[in-house]
Amino acid sequence: MVSCGRLKDKFYYDSPKLIRFQSIGCVCVKWLIYVVIAICVCYTLIAHKRYQEKEEVTSSVRTSVKGVAHAVSRIWDTAEYAIPVQSKDSFFVITNVIQTDDQLQGNCPEAPFAKAICSTDESCEKGSADIHGNGVQTGRCVWYNATLKTCEITAWCPVQMEEHPPEPAVLRGSEDFTVLIKNNVHFPKFNYTVQNISPNFNSSCTFNKITSPLCPIFRLGDILQEAKENFSEVAVKGGIIAIEIKWDCDLDSWSYYCIPEYGFRRLDGKTRSQYPGFSFRFARYYKLPNGTEQRTLFKVYGIRFDILVFGTGGKFDSVELFTFIGSTITYFGLAFTAIEICFNLYSCSRCCKIAFCDNIIRKKYETVLEPKKVMLVSYVDEPHVILIKEPLKTSLQYAEGSIFENHPVKFSDPCSFFTNESNENCDAGESQLSWLMQSTRSPECPRWCCCGQCNLMLKSHEQLCCRRTDGPCITTTYWFKKLVLSRGTLNKALLYEDPFLELTGDNTNSQLRHAAYKQYIHWRFGSFELEDRTVIPSCCRGVIRSTYPTADGNYTGFKIE
């Protein structure tokens, strides 16, 4: 049975409850947020092409360096200054060089550095090799020059003498060298290939960001200038420069766009602490007529150019479009969230209270509390039902509470209790509202009573009057007698619930008394659902009990018995 009940619950649809009220301010805020969100969504959809399916670019790069320089009494062409590098999509151009000619294997003094400087042979360990040295020590301490001794080594002699690169750079003329970059990109998902060299390519052009932004031939000096670097300074110790090629391709036929954008920046650090520069050594070997091997050692400084290709290609896709639209629809809920936040901030504030906002908050939020911890009271001279939390610190009459309004109206239409015959009496009764059975205030009336008809109660939760201020008691009104005390009305209410109810016998007064309590609750609180939390005033309860008493005169409780 339990599983069957849970199965039935699956076929019920839950819908949130909303309230509607007229407010120009809230409507303006809502539509303002709607417009802002719509503009942002449309901008993102069009400017960022969120309706397209995207794919990362697949790239291949080829380079060709051109130029000739005259330095160190020789001509340097492409074969000498453009050295292949091991890294992908890079090329290296020599800008400075330290050359050591005619090196032969033999014994010679080590270059002077801290661990190589000596004074006696004991300072040199035979067979040891320092990572900063040029060879293996022989164990002898020899003169390096007229004033300095260093350990003798077995190495390619003579060792390299210069430790610092020459300034200005030897190949400073390489600033005018040019490089042709050929870049092919492919988008496998869209089966589309494009390259940075157009069919009407002019081989005499040179890249310029303004006049020739698509030319694939670059002057090295211009590359460093675009990277905000001085070529003469970088050429001394070398450096690493990035050539960035960005492809942002729109492959839709109605808005086709697919051309590269070039950018340049330096990758190695500029400051001394960041160890800028780029250098390495290599040698060229020769055979002398006597068969001895000889070499020329080069320590070269230069600029390594790394070509970085990135980008995406996009093409219209209906799935991407609907996914984006679906994800952005939720943003329109921000309008309601913003307004709700304003109402919540207002409800937390204790100043500048506005009746309109208070009413909206009461209508919108319903507090569900345990019946045993709250009491609901209604005063004839106040328009709202009051919620009071237990425990009480004073008489219920003086207890402070909050407005509790879960129903559209506080009071029910009195005429709904009668038939057409009694409706005539209802209309007649309305003309007799001025008729009040004013009674004098009882000398034994307690201090908390404002109507003069309440009985003395010892417990604080029983000390409740029908009024907040002094005035006539509600029990003296025509409608109290007609709606609450009238036997005919109570009989109809009981028979309405149970048509076969026997209204004769010893239990009749008890049934009529409880029906009178319910009639009062429906009249003054607007709903039968609140009867387990409502407190009927002492004066009203006394009149009801005196009209429909028990046989032994004993009653239970102060709420519904």
Protein backbone atom coordinates (compact mmCIF):
# COMPACT_ATOMS: atom_id res chain seq x y z
CA MET A 1 0.00 0.00 0.00
CA VAL A 2 2.83 2.37 0.86
CA SER A 3 4.58 1.71 -2.44
CA CYS A 4 1.28 2.22 -4.28
CA GLY A 5 0.82 5.59 -2.60
CA ARG A 6 4.34 6.65 -3.56
CA LEU A 7 3.66 5.57 -7.13
CA LYS A 8 0.58 7.79 -7.27
CA ASP A 9 2.64 10.76 -6.04
CA LYS A 10 4.76 10.47 -9.16
CA PHE A 11 1.77 11.50 -11.29
CA TYR A 12 1.18 14.78 -9.42
CA TYR A 13 2.58 18.02 -10.75
CA ASP A 14 3.81 20.66 -8.29
CA SER A 15 3.55 24.31 -9.29
CA PRO A 16 4.90 27.25 -7.24
CA LYS A 17 2.44 29.68 -5.73
CA LEU A 18 2.78 33.29 -6.85
CA ILE A 19 1.24 36.55 -5.70
CA ARG A 20 0.35 39.45 -7.99
CA PHE A 21 0.28 43.09 -6.95
CA GLN A 22 0.37 46.42 -8.75
CA SER A 23 3.65 48.31 -8.40
CA ILE A 24 5.13 50.60 -11.03
CA GLY A 25 8.52 50.57 -9.29
CA CYS A 26 8.85 46.78 -9.22
CA VAL A 27 7.66 46.48 -12.83
CA CYS A 28 10.17 49.10 -13.99
CA VAL A 29 13.00 47.36 -12.14
CA LYS A 30 11.97 44.00 -13.61
CA TRP A 31 11.86 45.26 -17.19
CA LEU A 32 15.07 47.23 -16.75
CA ILE A 33 16.86 44.05 -15.69
CA TYR A 34 15.17 42.16 -18.54
CA VAL A 35 16.45 44.71 -21.08
CA VAL A 36 20.00 44.70 -19.67
CA ILE A 37 20.12 40.89 -19.68
CA ALA A 38 18.67 40.75 -23.21
CA ILE A 39 21.31 43.20 -24.47
CA CYS A 40 24.14 41.24 -22.81
CA VAL A 41 22.84 37.94 -24.16
CA CYS A 42 22.46 39.29 -27.70
CA TYR A 43 25.90 40.91 -27.59
CA THR A 44 27.50 37.68 -26.37
CA LEU A 45 25.62 35.62 -28.94
CA ILE A 46 26.67 37.82 -31.86
CA ALA A 47 30.06 39.23 -30.82
CA HIS A 48 31.43 35.97 -29.40
CA LYS A 49 29.62 33.80 -31.95
CA ARG A 50 28.14 31.52 -29.32
CA TYR A 51 25.94 29.95 -32.00
CA GLN A 52 29.01 28.25 -33.52
CA GLU A 53 30.71 24.97 -32.83
CA LYS A 54 34.38 25.68 -32.10
CA GLU A 55 37.55 23.72 -32.88
CA GLU A 56 41.20 24.37 -31.97
CA VAL A 57 43.59 25.01 -34.83
CA THR A 58 46.11 22.40 -36.03
CA SER A 59 49.25 24.06 -37.40
CA SER A 60 52.54 23.54 -39.26
CA VAL A 61 55.29 26.18 -39.67
CA ARG A 62 58.21 26.62 -42.06
CA THR A 63 60.71 29.49 -42.02
CA SER A 64 63.28 30.93 -44.44
CA VAL A 65 65.83 33.52 -43.20
CA LYS A 66 67.54 35.84 -45.70
CA GLY A 67 70.40 38.33 -45.31
CA VAL A 68 74.18 38.83 -45.52
CA ALA A 69 76.47 40.62 -43.03
CA HIS A 70 80.17 41.60 -43.00
CA ALA A 71 81.89 41.22 -39.63
CA VAL A 72 85.25 40.08 -38.20
CA SER A 73 86.84 40.41 -41.65
CA ARG A 74 84.49 37.87 -43.16
CA ILE A 75 81.10 37.51 -44.81
CA TRP A 76 78.33 35.86 -42.80
CA ASP A 77 75.54 34.37 -44.88
CA THR A 78 72.46 32.33 -44.04
CA ALA A 79 74.36 29.05 -43.77
CA GLU A 80 76.50 30.47 -40.93
CA TYR A 81 74.24 32.71 -38.83
CA ALA A 82 70.94 30.79 -39.15
CA ILE A 83 71.50 27.66 -37.07
CA PRO A 84 68.76 25.00 -36.87
CA VAL A 85 67.41 24.46 -33.38
CA GLN A 86 65.93 21.34 -31.86
CA SER A 87 62.68 22.89 -30.64
CA LYS A 88 59.57 22.84 -32.81
CA ASP A 89 58.53 25.92 -34.82
CA SER A 90 61.65 27.95 -33.92
CA PHE A 91 64.67 29.43 -35.66
CA PHE A 92 67.90 30.95 -34.32
CA VAL A 93 69.93 33.89 -35.67
CA ILE A 94 73.48 34.60 -34.43
CA THR A 95 74.00 38.22 -33.33
CA ASN A 96 77.28 38.02 -31.36
CA VAL A 97 80.22 35.61 -31.22
CA ILE A 98 83.40 34.84 -29.27
CA GLN A 99 85.79 32.93 -31.57
CA THR A 100 88.81 30.90 -30.41
CA ASP A 101 90.96 29.76 -33.35
CA ASP A 102 93.48 26.95 -33.80
CA GLN A 103 92.67 24.81 -30.78
CA LEU A 104 94.67 21.59 -30.41
CA GLN A 105 94.44 18.91 -27.74
CA GLY A 106 97.25 19.32 -25.19
CA ASN A 107 98.20 20.84 -21.84
CA CYS A 108 97.65 24.53 -21.05
CA PRO A 109 96.67 26.81 -18.12
CA GLU A 110 93.02 26.76 -17.08
CA ALA A 111 90.98 29.93 -17.50
CA PRO A 112 91.04 31.92 -14.23
CA PHE A 113 88.05 31.24 -11.98
CA ALA A 114 87.85 30.73 -8.22
CA LYS A 115 88.61 26.99 -8.05
CA ALA A 116 91.25 27.10 -10.80
CA ILE A 117 93.49 29.81 -9.28
CA CYS A 118 96.45 28.28 -7.39
CA SER A 119 99.80 29.10 -5.81
CA THR A 120 101.43 25.64 -5.55
CA ASP A 121 100.99 22.21 -7.09
CA GLU A 122 99.24 21.04 -3.92
CA SER A 123 96.29 23.27 -4.87
CA CYS A 124 95.70 21.22 -8.02
CA GLU A 125 94.31 17.69 -7.84
CA LYS A 126 95.45 15.45 -10.64
CA GLY A 127 92.60 13.91 -12.65
CA SER A 128 89.87 16.17 -11.26
CA ALA A 129 87.51 18.07 -13.53
CA ASP A 130 85.43 21.03 -12.47
CA ILE A 131 82.02 21.55 -14.07
CA HIS A 132 82.98 25.15 -14.76
CA GLY A 133 86.38 24.22 -16.21
CA ASN A 134 87.57 23.39 -19.70
CA GLY A 135 89.50 20.14 -19.07
CA VAL A 136 91.08 17.66 -16.65
CA GLN A 137 93.73 18.89 -14.18
CA THR A 138 97.26 17.48 -14.49
CA GLY A 139 98.24 18.31 -10.89
CA ARG A 140 100.60 21.18 -11.80
CA CYS A 141 100.21 24.90 -11.00
CA VAL A 142 101.47 27.04 -13.91
CA TRP A 143 101.54 30.70 -14.87
CA TYR A 144 98.40 31.88 -16.67
CA ASN A 145 99.94 35.30 -17.27
CA ALA A 146 102.65 37.43 -15.71
CA THR A 147 100.75 37.93 -12.47
CA LEU A 148 98.39 34.95 -12.07
CA LYS A 149 98.76 31.18 -11.71
CA THR A 150 96.13 28.58 -12.53
CA CYS A 151 96.01 24.79 -12.56
CA GLU A 152 97.25 23.12 -15.72
CA ILE A 153 94.68 21.08 -17.62
CA THR A 154 94.55 18.65 -20.50
CA ALA A 155 92.07 20.17 -22.95
CA TRP A 156 91.60 21.89 -26.27
CA CYS A 157 94.25 24.58 -26.03
CA PRO A 158 94.36 27.49 -25.85
CA VAL A 159 91.14 27.76 -23.80
CA GLN A 160 88.62 30.48 -24.51
CA MET A 161 89.95 33.74 -23.07
CA GLU A 162 87.01 36.16 -23.27
CA GLU A 163 84.22 35.68 -20.72
CA HIS A 164 81.99 38.58 -21.69
CA PRO A 165 80.46 39.06 -25.14
CA PRO A 166 81.82 41.96 -27.18
CA GLU A 167 79.92 45.23 -27.30
CA PRO A 168 78.57 46.31 -29.69
CA ALA A 169 77.48 42.95 -31.06
CA VAL A 170 79.59 41.45 -33.84
CA LEU A 171 76.59 40.75 -36.12
CA ARG A 172 74.59 43.86 -35.28
CA GLY A 173 73.86 44.13 -38.99
CA SER A 174 71.51 41.13 -38.64
CA GLU A 175 68.85 43.68 -37.68
CA ASP A 176 68.10 44.01 -41.38
CA PHE A 177 67.75 40.28 -42.01
CA THR A 178 64.29 39.05 -43.01
CA VAL A 179 62.38 35.86 -42.36
CA LEU A 180 59.55 34.37 -44.40
CA ILE A 181 57.09 32.47 -42.22
CA LYS A 182 54.88 29.92 -43.95
CA ASN A 183 52.02 28.80 -41.73
CA ASN A 184 49.38 26.24 -42.72
CA VAL A 185 46.42 25.63 -40.40
CA HIS A 186 43.80 22.90 -40.56
CA PHE A 187 40.42 22.33 -38.89
CA PRO A 188 39.78 18.56 -39.12
CA LYS A 189 36.20 18.71 -37.87
CA PHE A 190 35.23 21.12 -40.65
CA ASN A 191 37.69 19.67 -43.21
CA TYR A 192 39.07 23.12 -43.93
CA THR A 193 42.69 24.23 -44.55
CA VAL A 194 44.08 27.73 -44.97
CA GLN A 195 47.54 29.35 -45.01
CA ASN A 196 48.92 32.79 -44.20
CA ILE A 197 50.23 33.33 -47.74
CA SER A 198 47.53 34.62 -50.05
CA PRO A 199 47.36 33.67 -53.75
CA ASN A 200 48.29 37.23 -54.78
CA PHE A 201 51.29 37.32 -52.43
CA ASN A 202 53.84 40.08 -53.16
CA SER A 203 57.33 38.68 -52.42
CA SER A 204 58.79 42.21 -52.10
CA CYS A 205 56.56 43.22 -49.19
CA THR A 206 57.66 43.59 -45.56
CA PHE A 207 55.36 43.26 -42.57
CA ASN A 208 54.01 46.48 -41.13
CA LYS A 209 51.23 46.46 -38.60
CA ILE A 210 49.46 49.34 -40.34
CA THR A 211 50.37 49.27 -44.02
CA SER A 212 51.03 45.52 -44.55
CA PRO A 213 49.50 43.57 -41.65
CA LEU A 214 49.17 40.35 -43.69
CA CYS A 215 52.66 40.21 -45.23
CA PRO A 216 54.47 37.02 -44.03
CA ILE A 217 57.97 38.52 -44.51
CA PHE A 218 59.34 40.07 -41.32
CA ARG A 219 62.40 42.24 -40.74
CA LEU A 220 64.15 41.12 -37.54
CA GLY A 221 64.61 44.68 -36.32
CA ASP A 222 60.90 45.38 -36.79
CA ILE A 223 60.00 42.22 -34.82
CA LEU A 224 61.96 43.43 -31.78
CA GLN A 225 60.56 46.93 -32.18
CA GLU A 226 57.02 45.52 -32.09
CA ALA A 227 58.04 43.57 -28.96
CA LYS A 228 59.16 46.93 -27.46
CA GLU A 229 62.82 45.90 -27.41
CA ASN A 230 66.02 47.52 -28.71
CA PHE A 231 67.71 45.21 -31.20
CA SER A 232 71.27 46.51 -30.50
CA GLU A 233 70.89 45.80 -26.78
CA VAL A 234 69.35 42.35 -27.20
CA ALA A 235 71.93 41.38 -29.84
CA VAL A 236 74.79 41.55 -27.28
CA LYS A 237 73.65 38.64 -25.08
CA GLY A 238 70.80 37.31 -27.16
CA GLY A 239 67.24 36.61 -26.13
CA ILE A 240 64.04 34.70 -26.87
CA ILE A 241 61.28 36.40 -28.84
CA ALA A 242 57.80 35.00 -29.45
CA ILE A 243 56.08 35.50 -32.79
CA GLU A 244 52.39 34.86 -32.11
CA ILE A 245 50.05 33.97 -34.95
CA LYS A 246 46.40 34.04 -33.95
CA TRP A 247 43.70 32.53 -36.13
CA ASP A 248 40.13 33.48 -35.25
CA CYS A 249 38.17 31.98 -38.13
CA ASP A 250 34.49 32.32 -38.91
CA LEU A 251 33.81 29.59 -41.45
CA ASP A 252 30.16 30.40 -42.10
CA SER A 253 29.53 31.30 -45.73
CA TRP A 254 27.51 34.43 -44.90
CA SER A 255 30.17 35.92 -42.59
CA TYR A 256 33.44 34.27 -43.66
CA TYR A 257 36.57 35.63 -42.01
CA CYS A 258 39.86 33.76 -41.60
CA ILE A 259 43.06 35.82 -41.62
CA PRO A 260 46.01 35.67 -39.21
CA GLU A 261 46.84 38.31 -36.60
CA TYR A 262 50.50 38.71 -35.64
CA GLY A 263 51.84 39.66 -32.24
CA PHE A 264 55.33 39.88 -30.73
CA ARG A 265 56.73 39.75 -27.18
CA ARG A 266 59.91 38.84 -25.34
CA LEU A 267 59.88 35.56 -23.41
CA ASP A 268 63.17 35.66 -21.45
CA GLY A 269 63.61 38.13 -18.60
CA LYS A 270 65.08 41.58 -19.02
CA THR A 271 66.64 42.15 -15.60
CA ARG A 272 69.99 40.80 -14.44
CA SER A 273 68.34 38.66 -11.75
CA GLN A 274 66.30 36.87 -14.43
CA TYR A 275 69.44 35.78 -16.37
CA PRO A 276 68.42 37.18 -19.77
CA GLY A 277 70.00 36.12 -23.01
CA PHE A 278 70.55 33.02 -25.11
CA SER A 279 73.90 31.44 -26.03
CA PHE A 280 75.63 28.13 -26.74
CA ARG A 281 78.95 26.76 -28.08
CA PHE A 282 79.84 24.79 -31.15
CA ALA A 283 83.07 23.97 -32.99
CA ARG A 284 84.34 23.43 -36.53
CA TYR A 285 86.98 20.75 -36.95
CA TYR A 286 89.90 20.47 -39.43
CA LYS A 287 92.67 18.01 -40.23
CA LEU A 288 96.23 19.36 -40.48
CA PRO A 289 98.60 17.96 -43.10
CA ASN A 290 100.29 15.88 -40.39
CA GLY A 291 96.94 14.32 -39.43
CA THR A 292 96.48 16.28 -36.22
CA GLU A 293 92.90 17.37 -35.49
CA GLN A 294 92.35 21.10 -35.05
CA ARG A 295 89.21 23.09 -34.34
CA THR A 296 87.79 26.60 -34.12
CA LEU A 297 85.53 27.15 -31.08
CA PHE A 298 82.59 29.50 -31.30
CA LYS A 299 80.53 30.76 -28.38
CA VAL A 300 77.58 32.37 -30.11
CA TYR A 301 74.90 34.67 -28.75
CA GLY A 302 71.72 35.18 -30.66
CA ILE A 303 67.99 35.52 -30.77
CA ARG A 304 65.76 32.49 -30.79
CA PHE A 305 62.41 33.16 -32.38
CA ASP A 306 59.60 30.87 -31.19
CA ILE A 307 56.55 30.84 -33.46
CA LEU A 308 53.39 30.25 -31.42
CA VAL A 309 50.27 29.44 -33.41
CA PHE A 310 46.88 29.32 -31.71
CA GLY A 311 43.24 30.07 -32.41
CA THR A 312 39.89 28.50 -33.17
CA GLY A 313 37.58 27.98 -36.08
CA GLY A 314 33.82 28.09 -35.76
CA LYS A 315 30.82 27.11 -37.81
CA PHE A 316 27.08 27.44 -37.16
CA ASP A 317 25.55 24.60 -35.17
CA SER A 318 21.91 24.51 -34.06
CA VAL A 319 22.73 22.46 -30.95
CA GLU A 320 25.19 25.12 -29.76
CA LEU A 321 22.61 27.84 -30.42
CA PHE A 322 19.83 26.18 -28.42
CA THR A 323 22.25 25.23 -25.64
CA PHE A 324 23.32 28.86 -25.27
CA ILE A 325 19.74 30.14 -25.35
CA GLY A 326 18.70 27.56 -22.77
CA SER A 327 21.56 28.46 -20.44
CA THR A 328 20.84 32.20 -20.64
CA ILE A 329 17.09 31.93 -19.99
CA THR A 330 17.86 31.38 -16.32
CA TYR A 331 19.48 34.83 -16.17
CA PHE A 332 16.05 36.42 -16.46
CA GLY A 333 15.29 35.01 -13.03
CA LEU A 334 17.74 37.61 -11.71
CA ALA A 335 14.95 40.19 -11.96
CA PHE A 336 12.85 38.30 -9.44
CA THR A 337 15.91 37.60 -7.31
CA ALA A 338 16.82 41.30 -7.20
CA ILE A 339 13.31 42.32 -6.18
CA GLU A 340 13.16 39.56 -3.58
CA ILE A 341 16.48 40.73 -2.13
CA CYS A 342 15.08 44.25 -1.83
CA PHE A 343 12.02 42.93 0.01
CA ASN A 344 14.22 40.82 2.30
CA LEU A 345 16.45 43.80 3.09
CA TYR A 346 13.35 45.85 3.78
CA SER A 347 11.93 43.20 6.11
CA CYS A 348 15.23 43.17 8.04
CA SER A 349 15.21 46.97 8.38
CA ARG A 350 13.50 48.54 11.35
CA CYS A 351 13.11 52.02 9.93
CA CYS A 352 11.04 53.59 7.14
CA LYS A 353 8.27 51.03 7.33
CA ILE A 354 5.78 51.14 4.43
CA ALA A 355 2.34 49.61 4.85
CA PHE A 356 2.24 48.46 1.21
CA CYS A 357 5.51 46.52 1.54
CA ASP A 358 4.48 45.06 4.88
CA ASN A 359 1.27 43.76 3.32
CA ILE A 360 3.15 42.15 0.41
CA ILE A 361 5.59 40.42 2.75
CA ARG A 362 2.72 39.07 4.86
CA LYS A 363 0.95 37.75 1.78
CA LYS A 364 4.06 36.21 0.29
CA TYR A 365 5.64 34.45 3.24
CA GLU A 366 3.74 32.01 5.40
CA THR A 367 5.39 30.90 8.61
CA VAL A 368 4.61 27.31 9.58
CA LEU A 369 4.93 26.89 13.36
CA GLU A 370 4.07 24.14 15.79
CA PRO A 371 0.51 24.61 17.16
CA LYS A 372 1.64 24.09 20.74
CA LYS A 373 4.12 26.96 20.58
CA VAL A 374 1.93 29.72 19.13
CA MET A 375 -1.43 31.31 19.85
CA LEU A 376 -3.65 33.30 17.52
CA VAL A 377 -5.89 36.04 18.91
CA SER A 378 -8.37 38.43 17.27
CA TYR A 379 -9.55 41.75 18.66
CA VAL A 380 -12.80 43.36 17.55
CA ASP A 381 -11.13 46.78 17.35
CA GLU A 382 -8.11 45.63 15.21
CA PRO A 383 -8.25 44.43 11.58
CA HIS A 384 -5.61 41.67 11.76
CA VAL A 385 -5.16 38.33 13.43
CA ILE A 386 -2.25 38.47 15.87
CA LEU A 387 0.29 35.65 16.29
CA ILE A 388 1.82 35.36 19.77
CA LYS A 389 4.62 32.92 20.57
CA GLU A 390 4.84 30.98 23.80
CA PRO A 391 5.98 31.05 26.54
CA LEU A 392 4.22 34.19 27.76
CA LYS A 393 6.04 36.65 29.98
CA THR A 394 2.88 38.61 30.85
CA SER A 395 -0.87 38.44 30.45
CA LEU A 396 -2.00 37.27 27.02
CA GLN A 397 -3.94 40.52 26.71
CA TYR A 398 -0.70 42.54 26.92
CA ALA A 399 1.58 40.14 25.00
CA GLU A 400 3.25 41.57 21.88
CA GLY A 401 2.82 39.65 18.67
CA SER A 402 3.07 39.90 14.91
CA ILE A 403 0.40 40.15 12.25
CA PHE A 404 -0.69 36.74 10.97
CA GLU A 405 -2.58 36.93 7.70
CA ASN A 406 -2.62 33.72 5.71
CA HIS A 407 -6.10 34.36 4.27
CA PRO A 408 -7.36 37.03 1.87
CA VAL A 409 -9.87 38.39 4.41
CA LYS A 410 -10.05 38.13 8.16
CA PHE A 411 -13.81 37.78 8.46
CA SER A 412 -16.25 35.59 6.58
CA ASP A 413 -19.46 36.91 5.06
CA PRO A 414 -22.08 36.54 7.82
CA CYS A 415 -24.88 36.06 5.28
CA SER A 416 -23.19 32.85 4.03
CA PHE A 417 -24.37 31.08 7.15
CA PHE A 418 -28.08 31.48 6.37
CA THR A 419 -30.69 30.37 3.89
CA ASN A 420 -32.72 32.77 1.83
CA GLU A 421 -35.23 32.97 4.66
CA SER A 422 -32.65 33.99 7.17
CA ASN A 423 -31.01 36.38 4.70
CA GLU A 424 -33.91 38.70 5.22
CA ASN A 425 -33.08 38.71 8.91
CA CYS A 426 -29.42 39.34 7.97
CA ASP A 427 -30.37 42.43 5.99
CA ALA A 428 -32.59 43.56 8.81
CA GLY A 429 -29.81 42.95 11.29
CA GLU A 430 -27.44 45.21 9.38
CA SER A 431 -29.85 48.08 9.96
CA GLN A 432 -29.74 47.32 13.67
CA LEU A 433 -25.94 47.45 14.10
CA SER A 434 -26.40 50.52 16.25
CA TRP A 435 -28.43 48.46 18.66
CA LEU A 436 -26.02 47.38 21.34
CA MET A 437 -26.93 45.89 24.63
CA GLN A 438 -24.63 48.13 26.63
CA SER A 439 -24.01 46.70 30.01
CA THR A 440 -22.28 48.27 32.94
CA ARG A 441 -18.73 47.26 33.80
CA SER A 442 -18.65 44.63 36.53
CA PRO A 443 -16.92 45.75 39.74
CA GLU A 444 -15.08 42.38 39.78
CA CYS A 445 -13.81 42.86 36.23
CA PRO A 446 -10.01 42.23 36.03
CA ARG A 447 -7.59 44.98 35.05
CA TRP A 448 -6.71 43.42 31.70
CA CYS A 449 -10.38 43.44 30.57
CA CYS A 450 -11.38 46.27 28.23
CA CYS A 451 -15.03 45.32 27.58
CA GLY A 452 -16.22 44.90 31.17
CA GLN A 453 -17.57 41.37 30.64
CA CYS A 454 -14.52 39.15 31.26
CA ASN A 455 -14.19 36.79 34.19
CA LEU A 456 -11.22 36.69 36.52
CA MET A 457 -8.55 34.26 35.24
CA LEU A 458 -5.47 33.15 37.18
CA LYS A 459 -3.38 31.80 34.31
CA SER A 460 -1.72 34.33 31.99
CA HIS A 461 -2.69 32.49 28.78
CA GLU A 462 -6.38 32.71 29.80
CA GLN A 463 -6.32 36.47 30.36
CA LEU A 464 -7.69 37.65 27.00
CA CYS A 465 -10.40 40.21 26.19
CA CYS A 466 -12.23 40.73 22.92
CA ARG A 467 -10.84 44.28 22.65
CA ARG A 468 -7.52 46.10 22.86
CA THR A 469 -9.08 49.38 23.99
CA ASP A 470 -12.02 50.20 26.20
CA GLY A 471 -15.41 49.74 24.53
CA PRO A 472 -18.53 47.57 24.29
CA CYS A 473 -18.14 43.80 24.37
CA ILE A 474 -18.56 41.83 21.17
CA THR A 475 -21.02 39.53 22.99
CA THR A 476 -23.54 42.39 23.17
CA THR A 477 -23.77 42.69 19.36
CA TYR A 478 -26.61 41.38 17.20
CA TRP A 479 -24.19 39.35 15.03
CA PHE A 480 -22.62 37.53 17.96
CA LYS A 481 -26.04 36.38 19.04
CA LYS A 482 -27.09 35.51 15.47
CA LEU A 483 -23.84 33.82 14.33
CA VAL A 484 -22.48 32.29 17.52
CA LEU A 485 -25.31 31.82 20.01
CA SER A 486 -28.33 31.21 17.79
CA ARG A 487 -29.49 27.62 18.25
CA GLY A 488 -30.97 27.62 14.76
CA THR A 489 -27.65 28.65 13.22
CA LEU A 490 -25.73 26.06 15.23
CA ASN A 491 -28.20 23.31 14.34
CA LYS A 492 -27.80 24.09 10.63
CA ALA A 493 -23.99 24.10 10.97
CA LEU A 494 -23.99 20.72 12.74
CA LEU A 495 -26.44 19.15 10.30
CA TYR A 496 -24.41 20.53 7.40
CA GLU A 497 -21.44 18.48 8.61
CA ASP A 498 -23.49 15.39 9.58
CA PRO A 499 -27.05 15.24 8.16
CA PHE A 500 -27.90 12.25 10.41
CA LEU A 501 -26.75 13.85 13.65
CA GLU A 502 -29.14 13.43 16.58
CA LEU A 503 -29.61 16.82 18.27
CA THR A 504 -31.47 15.41 21.25
CA GLY A 505 -30.26 13.99 24.50
CA ASP A 506 -27.78 14.90 27.22
CA ASN A 507 -24.92 15.55 24.77
CA THR A 508 -26.78 18.26 22.81
CA ASN A 509 -25.36 21.21 24.78
CA SER A 510 -21.82 19.93 24.34
CA GLN A 511 -22.31 19.68 20.58
CA LEU A 512 -23.87 23.14 20.37
CA ARG A 513 -21.11 24.65 22.55
CA HIS A 514 -18.34 23.27 20.35
CA ALA A 515 -20.24 24.40 17.26
CA ALA A 516 -20.47 27.89 18.78
CA TYR A 517 -16.70 27.92 19.33
CA LYS A 518 -16.14 26.97 15.66
CA GLN A 519 -18.61 29.58 14.46
CA TYR A 520 -16.77 32.25 16.42
CA ILE A 521 -13.42 31.11 14.99
CA HIS A 522 -14.75 31.10 11.44
CA TRP A 523 -16.29 34.53 11.98
CA ARG A 524 -13.34 36.25 13.70
CA PHE A 525 -10.36 34.34 12.23
CA GLY A 526 -11.67 33.55 8.74
CA SER A 527 -10.93 29.81 8.72
CA PHE A 528 -11.70 26.58 10.54
CA GLU A 529 -8.11 25.51 9.88
CA LEU A 530 -6.83 27.75 12.67
CA GLU A 531 -9.00 26.32 15.44
CA ASP A 532 -6.18 24.34 17.07
CA ARG A 533 -4.17 27.53 17.55
CA THR A 534 -6.84 30.14 18.30
CA VAL A 535 -7.72 31.51 21.73
CA ILE A 536 -11.31 32.63 22.30
CA PRO A 537 -11.63 35.68 24.61
CA SER A 538 -12.77 35.11 28.19
CA CYS A 539 -15.94 37.14 27.73
CA CYS A 540 -17.05 35.20 24.64
CA ARG A 541 -16.23 31.83 26.17
CA GLY A 542 -18.18 32.73 29.31
CA VAL A 543 -21.30 33.71 27.36
CA ILE A 544 -21.11 30.53 25.25
CA ARG A 545 -20.68 28.35 28.32
CA SER A 546 -23.56 30.05 30.14
CA THR A 547 -25.81 29.59 27.08
CA TYR A 548 -24.88 25.93 26.57
CA PRO A 549 -23.58 24.74 29.94
CA THR A 550 -22.42 21.29 30.96
CA ALA A 551 -24.44 19.25 33.39
CA ASP A 552 -21.75 19.34 36.11
CA GLY A 553 -20.44 22.85 35.36
CA ASN A 554 -16.88 21.61 34.62
CA TYR A 555 -14.96 22.59 31.47
CA THR A 556 -11.53 21.59 30.13
CA GLY A 557 -8.90 23.92 28.79
CA PHE A 558 -9.03 27.44 27.46
CA LYS A 559 -8.75 26.61 23.78
CA ILE A 560 -11.15 24.30 21.94
CA GLU A 561 -12.33 21.70 24.44
